[in-house]
N, C-alpha and C. Protein backbone atom coordinates (compact mmCIF):
# COMPACT_ATOMS: atom_id res chain seq x y z
N MET A 1 111.33 107.64 89.47
CA MET A 1 110.56 107.15 88.34
C MET A 1 109.22 107.86 88.33
N ASN A 2 108.79 108.28 87.19
CA ASN A 2 107.52 108.99 87.06
C ASN A 2 106.78 108.43 85.86
N ILE A 3 105.69 107.71 86.10
CA ILE A 3 104.88 107.15 85.04
C ILE A 3 103.61 107.99 84.96
N VAL A 4 103.32 108.53 83.78
CA VAL A 4 102.12 109.35 83.64
C VAL A 4 101.28 108.82 82.49
N GLN A 5 99.99 108.66 82.73
CA GLN A 5 99.04 108.23 81.71
C GLN A 5 98.07 109.38 81.47
N GLU A 6 97.89 109.79 80.22
CA GLU A 6 97.10 110.97 79.88
C GLU A 6 95.63 110.69 79.59
N GLU A 7 95.15 109.47 79.79
CA GLU A 7 93.80 109.14 79.37
C GLU A 7 92.72 109.97 80.07
N PHE A 8 92.81 110.19 81.36
CA PHE A 8 91.88 111.02 82.10
C PHE A 8 92.67 112.08 82.85
N PRO A 9 93.14 113.10 82.14
CA PRO A 9 94.05 114.06 82.76
C PRO A 9 93.42 114.95 83.83
N SER A 10 92.09 114.94 83.94
CA SER A 10 91.48 115.84 84.92
C SER A 10 91.64 115.36 86.36
N ILE A 11 91.78 114.07 86.59
CA ILE A 11 91.98 113.54 87.94
C ILE A 11 93.41 113.01 88.03
N LYS A 12 94.20 113.63 88.91
CA LYS A 12 95.61 113.27 89.04
C LYS A 12 95.82 112.50 90.34
N VAL A 13 96.35 111.29 90.20
CA VAL A 13 96.62 110.42 91.34
C VAL A 13 98.13 110.25 91.48
N MET A 14 98.65 110.56 92.66
CA MET A 14 100.06 110.34 92.97
C MET A 14 100.17 109.05 93.77
N VAL A 15 101.05 108.16 93.32
CA VAL A 15 101.31 106.91 94.02
C VAL A 15 102.74 106.96 94.55
N ILE A 16 102.90 106.65 95.83
CA ILE A 16 104.23 106.59 96.44
C ILE A 16 104.42 105.15 96.91
N GLU A 17 105.28 104.45 96.18
CA GLU A 17 105.48 103.02 96.42
C GLU A 17 106.88 102.65 95.93
N ASP A 18 107.68 102.00 96.79
CA ASP A 18 109.04 101.66 96.40
C ASP A 18 109.16 100.27 95.78
N ASN A 19 108.15 99.45 95.90
CA ASN A 19 108.17 98.09 95.36
C ASN A 19 107.75 98.12 93.89
N LYS A 20 108.67 97.75 92.99
CA LYS A 20 108.42 97.82 91.55
C LYS A 20 107.20 97.00 91.11
N PRO A 21 107.06 95.74 91.53
CA PRO A 21 105.86 95.00 91.12
C PRO A 21 104.57 95.68 91.59
N MET A 22 104.58 96.24 92.80
CA MET A 22 103.38 96.92 93.30
C MET A 22 103.13 98.20 92.49
N GLN A 23 104.19 98.90 92.08
CA GLN A 23 104.03 100.07 91.22
C GLN A 23 103.30 99.69 89.94
N LEU A 24 103.71 98.56 89.35
CA LEU A 24 103.09 98.11 88.11
C LEU A 24 101.63 97.74 88.31
N VAL A 25 101.32 97.06 89.41
CA VAL A 25 99.94 96.69 89.71
C VAL A 25 99.08 97.94 89.88
N LEU A 26 99.56 98.88 90.67
CA LEU A 26 98.79 100.11 90.90
C LEU A 26 98.60 100.89 89.61
N ASN A 27 99.66 101.03 88.84
CA ASN A 27 99.56 101.76 87.58
C ASN A 27 98.55 101.08 86.65
N HIS A 28 98.62 99.76 86.57
CA HIS A 28 97.71 99.00 85.70
C HIS A 28 96.24 99.26 86.06
N HIS A 29 95.92 99.26 87.33
CA HIS A 29 94.53 99.40 87.76
C HIS A 29 94.04 100.85 87.79
N LEU A 30 94.95 101.80 87.89
CA LEU A 30 94.54 103.20 87.99
C LEU A 30 94.58 103.96 86.66
N LYS A 31 95.46 103.54 85.75
CA LYS A 31 95.71 104.34 84.55
C LYS A 31 94.52 104.44 83.60
N THR A 32 93.57 103.51 83.69
CA THR A 32 92.42 103.58 82.79
C THR A 32 91.42 104.66 83.21
N ARG A 33 91.55 105.13 84.45
CA ARG A 33 90.61 106.14 84.96
C ARG A 33 91.27 107.47 85.31
N PHE A 34 92.55 107.43 85.63
CA PHE A 34 93.21 108.62 86.17
C PHE A 34 94.56 108.86 85.51
N GLN A 35 95.05 110.07 85.67
CA GLN A 35 96.44 110.37 85.32
C GLN A 35 97.26 109.96 86.54
N VAL A 36 98.22 109.08 86.34
CA VAL A 36 98.96 108.49 87.46
C VAL A 36 100.42 108.91 87.42
N SER A 37 100.92 109.39 88.56
CA SER A 37 102.33 109.69 88.73
C SER A 37 102.84 108.80 89.85
N ILE A 38 103.91 108.06 89.59
CA ILE A 38 104.43 107.11 90.57
C ILE A 38 105.83 107.52 91.00
N PHE A 39 106.04 107.50 92.34
CA PHE A 39 107.33 107.87 92.92
C PHE A 39 107.76 106.80 93.90
N PRO A 40 109.07 106.52 93.99
CA PRO A 40 109.56 105.46 94.87
C PRO A 40 109.63 105.85 96.34
N ASP A 41 109.50 107.14 96.64
CA ASP A 41 109.56 107.58 98.04
C ASP A 41 108.91 108.95 98.19
N GLY A 42 108.68 109.31 99.44
CA GLY A 42 108.05 110.59 99.74
C GLY A 42 108.90 111.79 99.40
N PHE A 43 110.21 111.62 99.40
CA PHE A 43 111.09 112.73 99.07
C PHE A 43 110.87 113.19 97.63
N GLU A 44 110.89 112.24 96.69
CA GLU A 44 110.65 112.59 95.29
C GLU A 44 109.23 113.10 95.07
N ALA A 45 108.28 112.54 95.78
CA ALA A 45 106.89 112.98 95.66
C ALA A 45 106.74 114.43 96.14
N MET A 46 107.33 114.75 97.27
CA MET A 46 107.24 116.12 97.79
C MET A 46 107.95 117.10 96.85
N ALA A 47 109.08 116.69 96.27
CA ALA A 47 109.78 117.55 95.31
C ALA A 47 108.88 117.84 94.11
N TYR A 48 108.18 116.84 93.64
CA TYR A 48 107.24 116.99 92.52
C TYR A 48 106.14 117.99 92.87
N LEU A 49 105.59 117.86 94.06
CA LEU A 49 104.56 118.80 94.51
C LEU A 49 105.12 120.22 94.61
N HIS A 50 106.31 120.36 95.16
CA HIS A 50 106.93 121.68 95.31
C HIS A 50 107.29 122.32 93.97
N GLU A 51 107.40 121.51 92.93
CA GLU A 51 107.64 122.05 91.59
C GLU A 51 106.36 122.63 90.99
N GLY A 52 105.24 122.51 91.70
CA GLY A 52 103.99 123.08 91.22
C GLY A 52 103.01 122.10 90.64
N HIS A 53 103.31 120.82 90.72
CA HIS A 53 102.41 119.79 90.23
C HIS A 53 101.38 119.49 91.32
N ILE A 54 100.14 119.82 91.08
CA ILE A 54 99.10 119.58 92.07
C ILE A 54 98.36 118.30 91.70
N VAL A 55 98.12 117.47 92.70
CA VAL A 55 97.41 116.20 92.49
C VAL A 55 96.10 116.23 93.26
N ASP A 56 95.18 115.37 92.84
CA ASP A 56 93.87 115.31 93.48
C ASP A 56 93.82 114.35 94.67
N ILE A 57 94.69 113.34 94.64
CA ILE A 57 94.72 112.36 95.72
C ILE A 57 96.07 111.66 95.72
N ILE A 58 96.51 111.23 96.89
CA ILE A 58 97.78 110.53 97.04
C ILE A 58 97.50 109.15 97.64
N ILE A 59 98.14 108.15 97.05
CA ILE A 59 98.12 106.79 97.60
C ILE A 59 99.55 106.49 97.99
N SER A 60 99.78 106.24 99.27
CA SER A 60 101.16 106.08 99.73
C SER A 60 101.35 104.83 100.56
N ASP A 61 102.43 104.13 100.24
CA ASP A 61 102.89 103.05 101.10
C ASP A 61 103.39 103.69 102.40
N LEU A 62 103.37 102.95 103.46
CA LEU A 62 103.81 103.46 104.74
C LEU A 62 105.32 103.39 104.90
N ASN A 63 105.92 102.33 104.40
CA ASN A 63 107.35 102.10 104.60
C ASN A 63 108.11 102.32 103.30
N THR A 64 108.47 103.57 103.05
CA THR A 64 109.27 103.92 101.87
C THR A 64 110.57 104.57 102.35
N PRO A 65 111.61 104.51 101.52
CA PRO A 65 112.88 105.11 101.93
C PRO A 65 112.80 106.64 101.97
N ARG A 66 113.79 107.22 102.57
CA ARG A 66 113.98 108.67 102.73
C ARG A 66 112.85 109.32 103.51
N ILE A 67 111.69 109.53 102.94
CA ILE A 67 110.54 110.07 103.67
C ILE A 67 109.48 108.98 103.69
N ASN A 68 109.20 108.44 104.89
CA ASN A 68 108.21 107.38 104.98
C ASN A 68 106.79 107.97 105.05
N GLY A 69 105.81 107.10 105.14
CA GLY A 69 104.42 107.53 105.13
C GLY A 69 104.04 108.47 106.26
N TYR A 70 104.57 108.23 107.46
CA TYR A 70 104.26 109.11 108.59
C TYR A 70 104.85 110.50 108.37
N GLU A 71 106.10 110.54 107.91
CA GLU A 71 106.75 111.83 107.64
C GLU A 71 106.05 112.57 106.51
N LEU A 72 105.62 111.82 105.50
CA LEU A 72 104.88 112.42 104.39
C LEU A 72 103.58 113.05 104.89
N LEU A 73 102.84 112.31 105.69
CA LEU A 73 101.59 112.85 106.24
C LEU A 73 101.85 114.12 107.04
N ASP A 74 102.90 114.11 107.84
CA ASP A 74 103.25 115.29 108.64
C ASP A 74 103.56 116.48 107.74
N GLN A 75 104.38 116.26 106.71
CA GLN A 75 104.73 117.37 105.81
C GLN A 75 103.51 117.88 105.05
N LEU A 76 102.65 116.98 104.60
CA LEU A 76 101.46 117.41 103.88
C LEU A 76 100.50 118.18 104.78
N ARG A 77 100.24 117.64 105.95
CA ARG A 77 99.22 118.24 106.83
C ARG A 77 99.68 119.55 107.46
N THR A 78 100.98 119.79 107.56
CA THR A 78 101.46 121.06 108.11
C THR A 78 101.76 122.08 107.02
N SER A 79 101.57 121.70 105.77
CA SER A 79 101.81 122.60 104.65
C SER A 79 100.58 123.45 104.36
N GLY A 80 100.79 124.69 104.06
CA GLY A 80 99.69 125.55 103.66
C GLY A 80 99.15 125.22 102.28
N PHE A 81 100.00 124.63 101.44
CA PHE A 81 99.61 124.36 100.06
C PHE A 81 99.03 122.96 99.86
N PHE A 82 99.50 121.98 100.59
CA PHE A 82 99.15 120.60 100.31
C PHE A 82 98.28 119.95 101.38
N SER A 83 97.89 120.67 102.39
CA SER A 83 97.19 120.08 103.53
C SER A 83 95.83 119.49 103.19
N SER A 84 95.21 119.94 102.11
CA SER A 84 93.89 119.43 101.78
C SER A 84 93.91 118.27 100.79
N ILE A 85 95.08 117.83 100.34
CA ILE A 85 95.15 116.70 99.42
C ILE A 85 94.82 115.42 100.19
N PRO A 86 93.80 114.69 99.76
CA PRO A 86 93.47 113.43 100.45
C PRO A 86 94.57 112.39 100.28
N VAL A 87 94.76 111.58 101.33
CA VAL A 87 95.79 110.55 101.31
C VAL A 87 95.19 109.22 101.74
N ILE A 88 95.43 108.20 100.91
CA ILE A 88 95.09 106.83 101.28
C ILE A 88 96.42 106.12 101.54
N VAL A 89 96.57 105.57 102.74
CA VAL A 89 97.75 104.78 103.05
C VAL A 89 97.45 103.35 102.63
N LEU A 90 98.37 102.79 101.86
CA LEU A 90 98.26 101.42 101.37
C LEU A 90 99.47 100.67 101.91
N SER A 91 99.24 99.78 102.87
CA SER A 91 100.37 99.19 103.58
C SER A 91 100.12 97.74 103.95
N GLY A 92 101.20 97.02 104.14
CA GLY A 92 101.13 95.66 104.64
C GLY A 92 101.01 95.59 106.15
N GLU A 93 101.14 96.72 106.82
CA GLU A 93 101.01 96.80 108.28
C GLU A 93 99.54 96.61 108.66
N GLU A 94 99.24 95.52 109.37
CA GLU A 94 97.86 95.17 109.67
C GLU A 94 97.37 95.60 111.04
N SER A 95 98.25 96.05 111.90
CA SER A 95 97.83 96.30 113.28
C SER A 95 96.86 97.48 113.37
N THR A 96 95.94 97.36 114.29
CA THR A 96 94.98 98.42 114.53
C THR A 96 95.69 99.69 114.97
N GLU A 97 96.73 99.55 115.79
CA GLU A 97 97.48 100.71 116.26
C GLU A 97 98.10 101.49 115.11
N THR A 98 98.64 100.78 114.12
CA THR A 98 99.24 101.43 112.96
C THR A 98 98.17 102.19 112.18
N ARG A 99 97.02 101.55 111.97
CA ARG A 99 95.93 102.21 111.24
C ARG A 99 95.46 103.46 111.98
N ILE A 100 95.30 103.35 113.28
CA ILE A 100 94.86 104.51 114.08
C ILE A 100 95.90 105.62 114.00
N LYS A 101 97.17 105.26 114.13
CA LYS A 101 98.25 106.26 114.07
C LYS A 101 98.22 107.01 112.74
N CYS A 102 98.02 106.29 111.65
CA CYS A 102 97.97 106.93 110.32
C CYS A 102 96.75 107.84 110.20
N LEU A 103 95.61 107.37 110.63
CA LEU A 103 94.40 108.19 110.55
C LEU A 103 94.51 109.43 111.43
N GLU A 104 95.09 109.27 112.62
CA GLU A 104 95.29 110.43 113.50
C GLU A 104 96.33 111.39 112.94
N ALA A 105 97.27 110.88 112.11
CA ALA A 105 98.29 111.73 111.50
C ALA A 105 97.77 112.47 110.28
N GLY A 106 96.55 112.13 109.85
CA GLY A 106 95.96 112.87 108.74
C GLY A 106 95.60 112.06 107.52
N ALA A 107 95.80 110.74 107.56
CA ALA A 107 95.37 109.92 106.42
C ALA A 107 93.85 109.94 106.34
N ASP A 108 93.34 109.91 105.14
CA ASP A 108 91.89 109.90 104.94
C ASP A 108 91.34 108.48 104.91
N ASP A 109 92.21 107.53 104.61
CA ASP A 109 91.79 106.13 104.57
C ASP A 109 93.04 105.27 104.70
N TYR A 110 92.83 103.99 104.97
CA TYR A 110 93.92 103.03 105.15
C TYR A 110 93.46 101.71 104.57
N LEU A 111 94.26 101.15 103.69
CA LEU A 111 93.93 99.88 103.06
C LEU A 111 95.13 98.94 103.21
N ILE A 112 94.85 97.70 103.59
CA ILE A 112 95.91 96.73 103.86
C ILE A 112 96.23 95.93 102.60
N LYS A 113 97.55 95.76 102.35
CA LYS A 113 98.02 94.89 101.26
C LYS A 113 98.02 93.46 101.77
N PRO A 114 97.72 92.48 100.96
CA PRO A 114 97.23 92.62 99.59
C PRO A 114 95.81 93.17 99.61
N PHE A 115 95.43 93.83 98.53
CA PHE A 115 94.15 94.51 98.47
C PHE A 115 93.43 94.13 97.19
N ASN A 116 92.13 94.35 97.19
CA ASN A 116 91.33 94.16 96.00
C ASN A 116 91.36 95.48 95.23
N PRO A 117 91.83 95.49 93.99
CA PRO A 117 91.91 96.73 93.22
C PRO A 117 90.56 97.44 93.08
N ARG A 118 89.48 96.69 93.03
CA ARG A 118 88.14 97.32 92.94
C ARG A 118 87.82 98.08 94.22
N GLU A 119 88.27 97.54 95.36
CA GLU A 119 88.05 98.24 96.63
C GLU A 119 88.86 99.53 96.67
N LEU A 120 90.10 99.48 96.19
CA LEU A 120 90.91 100.70 96.14
C LEU A 120 90.24 101.74 95.26
N LEU A 121 89.76 101.35 94.08
CA LEU A 121 89.07 102.30 93.20
C LEU A 121 87.82 102.86 93.87
N ALA A 122 87.07 102.02 94.56
CA ALA A 122 85.88 102.49 95.26
C ALA A 122 86.23 103.51 96.35
N ARG A 123 87.31 103.26 97.06
CA ARG A 123 87.73 104.19 98.11
C ARG A 123 88.21 105.51 97.52
N ILE A 124 88.97 105.44 96.41
CA ILE A 124 89.40 106.66 95.73
C ILE A 124 88.19 107.46 95.27
N ASN A 125 87.25 106.77 94.61
CA ASN A 125 86.05 107.46 94.12
C ASN A 125 85.24 108.08 95.25
N ALA A 126 85.13 107.38 96.38
CA ALA A 126 84.38 107.91 97.52
C ALA A 126 85.03 109.21 98.03
N ILE A 127 86.34 109.20 98.14
CA ILE A 127 87.04 110.40 98.61
C ILE A 127 86.91 111.53 97.60
N LEU A 128 87.05 111.22 96.31
CA LEU A 128 86.94 112.25 95.28
C LEU A 128 85.53 112.83 95.22
N ARG A 129 84.52 111.99 95.44
CA ARG A 129 83.13 112.50 95.51
C ARG A 129 82.96 113.43 96.70
N ARG A 130 83.50 113.01 97.84
CA ARG A 130 83.39 113.80 99.07
C ARG A 130 84.08 115.14 98.95
N THR A 131 85.19 115.19 98.19
CA THR A 131 85.93 116.44 98.04
C THR A 131 85.42 117.27 96.87
N GLY A 132 84.44 116.73 96.14
CA GLY A 132 83.86 117.48 95.03
C GLY A 132 84.65 117.40 93.74
N LYS A 133 85.64 116.52 93.66
CA LYS A 133 86.46 116.38 92.45
C LYS A 133 85.71 115.65 91.34
N ILE A 134 84.81 114.74 91.73
CA ILE A 134 84.00 114.01 90.75
C ILE A 134 82.57 113.90 91.29
N SER A 135 81.64 113.69 90.39
CA SER A 135 80.28 113.41 90.83
C SER A 135 80.07 111.90 90.86
N THR A 136 80.57 111.22 89.84
CA THR A 136 80.54 109.76 89.80
C THR A 136 81.47 109.28 88.69
N ILE A 137 82.09 108.13 88.90
CA ILE A 137 82.92 107.52 87.85
C ILE A 137 82.48 106.10 87.70
């Protein structure tokens, strides 16, 4: 599934989430500011990237089918083309060990579900400012 909103096409956000209600929540909160592409797993997301679609930031659930969040981070960080794309892991896994493992694997941030959508937007904006994609939103 690929949902794209053209309202702010300059900032492209890829969401990797297999839970349909969570896909809808994320799309609802992100589409007013960003172009959003949603994929149910890392396999489809990586295929999209390999087709030449470049995104500015990725928000990924940790536990998705086929390619999970850890495998996705590994593929992104070892790629010559995609290694600099920031990744926020959005997961229900609350343990400190899981968060550390994700950050050590290359995640730029980690947010626990359930989450405050304003906090997610603030974290996205902070990363995009740091990478020079935006000055302020």
